[in-house]
Protein backbone atom coordinates (compact mmCIF):
# COMPACT_ATOMS: atom_id res chain seq x y z
CA MET A 1 0.00 0.00 0.00
CA GLU A 2 1.37 3.41 -1.00
CA ILE A 3 2.43 5.84 1.71
CA LYS A 4 0.70 9.10 0.80
CA ASN A 5 1.69 11.52 3.59
CA LEU A 6 5.33 10.64 3.98
CA ASN A 7 7.34 11.74 7.00
CA PRO A 8 10.87 10.95 5.79
CA LYS A 9 12.55 10.90 9.21
CA LYS A 10 9.93 8.64 10.74
CA PHE A 11 10.09 6.40 7.68
CA VAL A 12 13.88 6.10 7.99
CA SER A 13 13.68 5.24 11.68
CA ALA A 14 10.95 2.65 11.16
CA LYS A 15 12.65 0.97 8.22
CA GLU A 16 16.05 0.79 9.91
CA GLU A 17 14.42 -0.89 12.92
CA GLU A 18 12.54 -3.24 10.60
CA ILE A 19 15.68 -4.24 8.70
CA SER A 20 17.59 -4.83 11.92
CA ALA A 21 14.79 -6.96 13.35
CA ILE A 22 14.44 -9.10 10.21
CA VAL A 23 18.15 -9.74 9.68
CA GLY A 24 18.98 -10.18 13.35
CA THR A 25 22.55 -11.44 13.73
CA ASP A 26 22.74 -12.77 10.16
CA LEU A 27 24.43 -11.21 7.14
CA ALA A 28 22.69 -9.32 4.32
CA ILE A 29 23.91 -8.19 0.91
CA ASN A 30 22.77 -5.54 -1.53
CA ALA A 31 23.53 -4.34 -5.03
CA LEU A 32 24.39 -0.67 -5.45
CA SER A 33 24.00 0.67 -8.98
CA GLY A 34 24.37 4.34 -8.03
CA GLY A 35 20.73 5.21 -8.71
CA VAL A 36 18.62 6.89 -6.05
CA ASP A 37 16.69 3.71 -5.15
CA SER A 38 19.71 1.47 -4.58
CA SER A 39 21.62 4.32 -2.90
CA THR A 40 18.77 4.87 -0.46
CA VAL A 41 18.52 1.17 0.37
CA THR A 42 22.29 1.04 0.89
CA MET A 43 22.13 3.87 3.41
CA LEU A 44 19.17 2.32 5.26
CA GLY A 45 20.89 -1.05 5.37
CA HIS A 46 24.24 0.36 6.44
CA ASN A 47 22.64 2.36 9.26
CA ALA A 48 20.66 -0.69 10.41
CA LEU A 49 23.31 -3.40 10.05
CA GLY A 50 26.75 -1.80 9.84
CA GLU A 51 29.36 -4.41 8.89
CA ARG A 52 26.69 -7.10 8.56
CA LEU A 53 25.65 -5.55 5.25
CA LYS A 54 27.92 -6.37 2.32
CA THR A 55 27.46 -3.95 -0.59
CA TYR A 56 28.39 -4.81 -4.17
CA PHE A 57 28.50 -2.97 -7.46
CA ILE A 58 27.75 -5.53 -10.15
CA ASP A 59 29.67 -4.62 -13.30
CA THR A 60 27.31 -6.07 -15.89
CA GLY A 61 29.02 -4.37 -18.80
CA LEU A 62 25.74 -2.49 -19.29
CA MET A 63 26.39 0.54 -17.09
CA ARG A 64 27.16 4.14 -18.02
CA GLU A 65 30.69 5.36 -18.57
CA GLY A 66 32.73 5.55 -15.35
CA GLU A 67 29.81 4.38 -13.21
CA ALA A 68 31.69 1.89 -11.04
CA GLU A 69 34.49 4.32 -10.15
CA GLN A 70 32.02 7.10 -9.35
CA VAL A 71 29.86 4.92 -7.12
CA VAL A 72 32.77 3.39 -5.19
CA SER A 73 34.31 6.83 -4.58
CA LEU A 74 31.08 8.48 -3.45
CA PHE A 75 30.19 5.77 -0.94
CA ALA A 76 33.74 5.54 0.34
CA ASP A 77 33.33 9.21 1.30
CA LEU A 78 30.15 8.20 3.15
CA GLY A 79 32.02 5.48 5.04
CA ILE A 80 30.60 2.54 3.07
CA LYS A 81 32.84 0.01 1.34
CA VAL A 82 31.58 -1.14 -2.06
CA GLU A 83 33.09 -4.19 -3.72
CA VAL A 84 33.00 -4.35 -7.53
CA VAL A 85 32.07 -7.71 -9.05
CA ASP A 86 32.96 -8.25 -12.72
CA ALA A 87 30.00 -10.12 -14.22
CA GLN A 88 30.21 -8.92 -17.82
CA ARG A 89 30.81 -12.37 -19.25
CA GLN A 90 27.73 -13.81 -17.53
CA PHE A 91 25.39 -11.02 -18.64
CA PHE A 92 26.48 -10.79 -22.27
CA GLY A 93 26.42 -14.58 -22.47
CA ALA A 94 22.85 -14.67 -21.19
CA LEU A 95 21.76 -11.93 -23.61
CA SER A 96 23.43 -13.46 -26.67
CA GLY A 97 20.98 -13.98 -29.51
CA LEU A 98 17.98 -12.48 -27.70
CA THR A 99 15.90 -9.73 -29.33
CA ASP A 100 12.51 -9.97 -27.57
CA PRO A 101 12.27 -7.33 -24.80
CA GLU A 102 10.72 -9.65 -22.21
CA GLU A 103 13.20 -12.42 -22.94
CA LYS A 104 16.06 -9.96 -22.45
CA ARG A 105 14.62 -8.74 -19.15
CA GLU A 106 14.12 -12.32 -17.95
CA ALA A 107 17.71 -13.19 -18.89
CA ILE A 108 18.96 -10.25 -16.84
CA THR A 109 16.76 -11.25 -13.90
CA GLN A 110 18.00 -14.83 -13.88
CA THR A 111 21.65 -13.84 -14.30
CA PHE A 112 21.43 -11.23 -11.58
CA TYR A 113 19.58 -13.21 -8.92
CA ARG A 114 20.52 -16.83 -9.65
CA ASP A 115 24.03 -16.68 -11.08
CA VAL A 116 25.63 -13.58 -9.55
CA PHE A 117 23.90 -13.14 -6.21
CA GLY A 118 23.33 -16.86 -5.76
CA LYS A 119 27.11 -17.31 -5.79
CA LEU A 120 27.76 -14.32 -3.53
CA VAL A 121 25.25 -15.61 -0.99
CA GLN A 122 26.96 -19.00 -0.93
CA ASP A 123 30.44 -17.48 -0.70
CA ILE A 124 29.75 -15.21 2.28
CA GLY A 125 26.83 -17.02 3.95
CA ALA A 126 24.30 -14.18 3.66
CA LYS A 127 20.61 -14.96 4.13
CA PHE A 128 19.02 -11.70 2.96
CA LEU A 129 19.17 -9.39 -0.07
CA LEU A 130 18.19 -5.75 0.41
CA HIS A 131 16.30 -4.62 -2.63
CA GLY A 132 15.49 -1.16 -4.08
CA THR A 133 12.05 -2.09 -5.44
CA ILE A 134 9.62 0.85 -5.57
CA LEU A 135 5.87 0.86 -6.13
CA THR A 136 6.05 1.93 -9.78
CA ASP A 137 8.19 -1.15 -10.54
CA VAL A 138 5.47 -3.34 -9.08
CA ASP A 139 2.64 -1.54 -10.87
CA GLU A 140 4.21 -1.81 -14.34
CA THR A 141 5.15 -5.46 -13.92
CA VAL A 142 1.85 -6.67 -12.44
CA ALA A 143 -0.09 -4.73 -15.09
CA GLY A 144 1.92 -6.51 -17.80
CA ILE A 145 3.33 -3.29 -19.23
CA LYS A 146 6.93 -4.43 -18.87
CA ARG A 147 8.73 -6.84 -16.58
CA GLN A 148 10.95 -4.94 -14.18
CA HIS A 149 13.92 -7.17 -13.42
CA ASN A 150 13.67 -6.62 -9.66
CA ILE A 151 10.09 -7.90 -9.27
CA LEU A 152 10.00 -11.41 -7.83
CA THR A 153 7.67 -12.05 -4.88
CA GLN A 154 4.90 -9.97 -6.48
CA LEU A 155 4.90 -12.47 -9.37
CA GLY A 156 4.75 -15.48 -7.08
CA ILE A 157 8.49 -16.19 -7.23
CA ASP A 158 9.90 -17.40 -3.91
CA PRO A 159 13.49 -16.05 -3.82
CA GLU A 160 14.47 -18.31 -0.94
CA ARG A 161 13.40 -21.43 -2.82
CA GLU A 162 14.63 -20.25 -6.24
CA PHE A 163 17.86 -18.49 -5.31
CA GLY A 164 18.65 -19.33 -1.69
CA TYR A 165 17.94 -16.05 0.11
CA LYS A 166 15.09 -13.87 1.35
CA ILE A 167 14.43 -10.39 0.00
CA ILE A 168 13.77 -7.22 2.01
CA GLU A 169 12.13 -4.31 0.13
CA PRO A 170 12.14 -1.20 2.34
CA LEU A 171 10.99 1.20 -0.42
CA VAL A 172 8.16 -0.79 -1.96
CA GLN A 173 5.50 1.57 -0.54
CA LEU A 174 7.08 4.63 -2.19
CA ARG A 175 7.29 6.18 -5.63
CA LYS A 176 10.30 8.05 -6.98
CA ASP A 177 9.45 11.41 -5.39
CA GLY A 178 9.08 9.76 -1.98
CA VAL A 179 12.38 7.92 -2.37
CA ARG A 180 14.12 11.23 -3.08
CA GLU A 181 12.74 12.67 0.17
CA VAL A 182 13.99 9.67 2.13
CA ALA A 183 17.41 9.86 0.46
CA LYS A 184 17.68 13.49 1.46
CA ALA A 185 16.74 12.65 5.05
CA LEU A 186 19.46 9.98 5.07
CA GLY A 187 22.11 12.58 4.21
CA LEU A 188 22.83 11.61 0.63
CA PRO A 189 24.15 14.54 -1.43
CA ALA A 190 21.74 16.39 -3.72
CA SER A 191 23.70 15.18 -6.73
CA GLN A 192 22.66 11.68 -5.75
CA TYR A 193 19.05 12.03 -4.61
CA ASN A 194 18.21 14.31 -7.55
CA ARG A 195 19.93 12.03 -10.05
CA PRO A 196 17.74 11.07 -13.04
CA PRO A 197 16.35 7.52 -12.88
CA PHE A 198 18.33 4.75 -14.53
CA PRO A 199 16.75 1.37 -15.34
CA GLY A 200 17.67 -1.86 -13.57
CA PRO A 201 18.58 -3.55 -16.88
CA ALA A 202 20.80 -0.49 -17.47
CA LEU A 203 21.77 0.22 -21.08
CA ALA A 204 20.21 -3.09 -22.16
CA ALA A 205 16.88 -1.24 -21.79
CA ARG A 206 18.10 1.22 -24.43
CA VAL A 207 19.22 -1.20 -27.11
CA ILE A 208 16.49 -2.39 -29.48
CA GLY A 209 17.41 -5.86 -30.73
CA GLU A 210 20.35 -7.97 -29.60
CA VAL A 211 22.49 -6.60 -26.75
CA THR A 212 26.17 -7.01 -27.56
CA PRO A 213 29.27 -5.30 -26.12
CA GLU A 214 29.68 -3.39 -29.40
CA ARG A 215 26.08 -2.13 -29.46
CA VAL A 216 26.20 -1.16 -25.77
CA ALA A 217 29.41 0.80 -26.43
CA ILE A 218 27.56 2.83 -29.08
CA VAL A 219 24.59 3.70 -26.87
CA ARG A 220 26.98 4.43 -23.97
CA LYS A 221 28.79 7.08 -26.04
CA ALA A 222 25.48 8.62 -27.10
CA THR A 223 24.32 8.60 -23.47
CA VAL A 224 27.35 10.62 -22.37
CA ILE A 225 26.49 13.29 -24.94
CA ALA A 226 22.75 13.32 -24.20
CA GLU A 227 23.24 13.64 -20.45
CA ALA A 228 25.91 16.34 -20.81
CA GLU A 229 23.78 18.45 -23.14
CA LEU A 230 20.56 18.06 -21.14
CA ILE A 231 21.94 18.26 -17.60
CA ASP A 232 20.60 21.80 -17.12
CA SER A 233 17.24 21.19 -18.78
CA GLY A 234 15.52 20.23 -15.52
CA ALA A 235 14.22 17.03 -17.12
CA PHE A 236 13.11 14.13 -14.91
CA GLN A 237 15.00 11.70 -17.15
CA CYS A 238 16.80 11.73 -20.49
CA MET A 239 18.26 8.97 -22.60
CA ALA A 240 19.71 7.78 -25.89
CA ILE A 241 18.32 4.65 -27.57
CA LEU A 242 19.96 2.54 -30.27
CA HIS A 243 17.56 1.27 -32.92
CA GLU A 244 17.93 -2.14 -34.51
CA ASP A 245 17.54 -1.33 -38.21
CA ARG A 246 20.21 0.51 -40.15
CA VAL A 247 19.17 3.55 -42.16
CA THR A 248 20.55 5.20 -45.28
CA GLY A 249 22.78 8.21 -44.74
CA MET A 250 25.63 9.89 -46.56
CA ARG A 251 29.12 11.15 -45.79
CA ASP A 252 31.60 12.78 -48.14
CA GLY A 253 29.13 12.42 -51.01
CA LYS A 254 28.85 8.66 -50.58
CA ARG A 255 26.21 6.36 -49.10
CA ASP A 256 26.72 5.51 -45.43
CA TYR A 257 24.38 2.74 -44.33
CA GLY A 258 24.46 3.53 -40.63
CA LEU A 259 22.83 3.54 -37.22
CA GLN A 260 19.93 5.48 -35.75
CA ILE A 261 19.85 6.98 -32.25
CA GLU A 262 16.54 8.05 -30.72
CA LEU A 263 16.63 10.64 -27.95
CA ARG A 264 14.03 10.88 -25.19
CA SER A 265 13.69 13.49 -22.46
CA TRP A 266 10.85 13.46 -19.95
CA GLU A 267 8.99 15.73 -17.55
CA SER A 268 7.44 13.75 -14.69
CA LYS A 269 6.99 13.61 -10.95
CA ASP A 270 6.83 9.90 -10.22
CA ALA A 271 7.24 8.18 -13.64
CA ARG A 272 3.59 7.07 -13.83
CA ILE A 273 2.79 9.71 -16.44
CA ALA A 274 5.24 11.84 -18.40
CA THR A 275 5.46 14.40 -21.17
CA PRO A 276 8.42 15.02 -23.49
CA THR A 277 10.63 17.97 -22.59
CA ARG A 278 10.05 20.91 -24.95
CA LEU A 279 13.64 21.26 -26.09
CA SER A 280 14.66 24.15 -28.31
CA TYR A 281 15.64 23.42 -31.89
CA ASP A 282 19.12 24.74 -31.13
CA VAL A 283 19.54 22.08 -28.43
CA LEU A 284 18.23 19.33 -30.70
CA GLU A 285 20.49 20.44 -33.52
CA ARG A 286 23.53 20.44 -31.23
CA LEU A 287 22.66 16.96 -29.95
CA SER A 288 22.29 15.66 -33.49
CA GLU A 289 25.56 17.22 -34.62
CA ARG A 290 27.53 15.85 -31.67
CA ILE A 291 26.11 12.33 -31.84
CA THR A 292 26.55 11.92 -35.60
CA THR A 293 30.07 13.32 -35.35
CA GLU A 294 31.30 11.69 -32.14
CA VAL A 295 29.55 8.29 -32.12
CA PRO A 296 30.95 6.01 -34.85
CA GLY A 297 28.45 4.76 -37.40
CA VAL A 298 25.47 6.95 -36.44
CA VAL A 299 23.85 8.75 -39.38
CA SER A 300 20.42 9.62 -37.94
CA VAL A 301 19.20 11.18 -34.68
CA THR A 302 15.49 11.50 -33.83
CA TYR A 303 13.59 12.94 -30.85
CA ASN A 304 10.54 11.23 -29.35
CA ILE A 305 7.53 13.53 -28.74
CA THR A 306 4.97 10.95 -27.54
CA LYS A 307 3.56 11.22 -24.01
CA LYS A 308 3.49 8.41 -21.45
CA PRO A 309 1.02 6.79 -21.96
CA PRO A 310 0.82 5.50 -24.68
CA SER A 311 4.64 5.49 -24.75
CA THR A 312 6.77 4.23 -21.88
CA MET A 313 9.86 6.06 -20.67
CA GLU A 314 12.30 3.28 -21.50
CA VAL A 315 12.00 1.69 -24.91
CA VAL A 316 12.67 -1.96 -24.01
């Protein structure tokens, strides 16, 4: 049930007590991606459990440029040790040959929870996984709009039976705006609690068609440009998307059968509904020029102007 009139400090106190009571003297683990949801859960868990919470950054090969280094450095400054786990081989292996969006999301789910965290749980003897699930994740998955990779129990999946550990979801009664309030109350810097949302499947959610290291590298470069150019726009979220089909372009008077990048930028409060940011033509032109010049192989850049609904914020 959604918490409507949130008191962030009371929420923090209650959830830290709850986490401590559930875990007891056992160990818990959590994955920190650097987004506001996982950052908030990390702070709650650290305050509740101290050294009995082991925090990991899972390097899936699907993250933004420099993400691991940035996350480890930030949380080291907050007194929290983050261990980086290289799981690129497992994730790209699981995604090989897949083009269907739901199959890709399921492959990421299974790799994340069964292969990566299943092994970590066995190695360190943890019994609980702290999870950054929020209410919007549940709503979209249960409604059949798109499978969020972090939804398990709400679909009848028993994590303890399937993967060997129980899941704790401290934020599942909140939406994104509520999570930001809690993050602020926990002392996270504004740069972190105001950070635009980033999907659990990471850049795999922004590649239409098969997800390969080469295709992720392309959308990663475009993402750097999109985020740099739109950082001061005030948008709730912005992104670059790599399309599957090649399109006809031209360079130096010759045909260049190249790639297409779609840009999306959203105005929203809690991600349930959203409208495209009304970007100036100068901004769009600069984005197009930079992406077609700086990202190898791209010959076309488009901007999505469809509201959510009927669109969704992420394309996959």
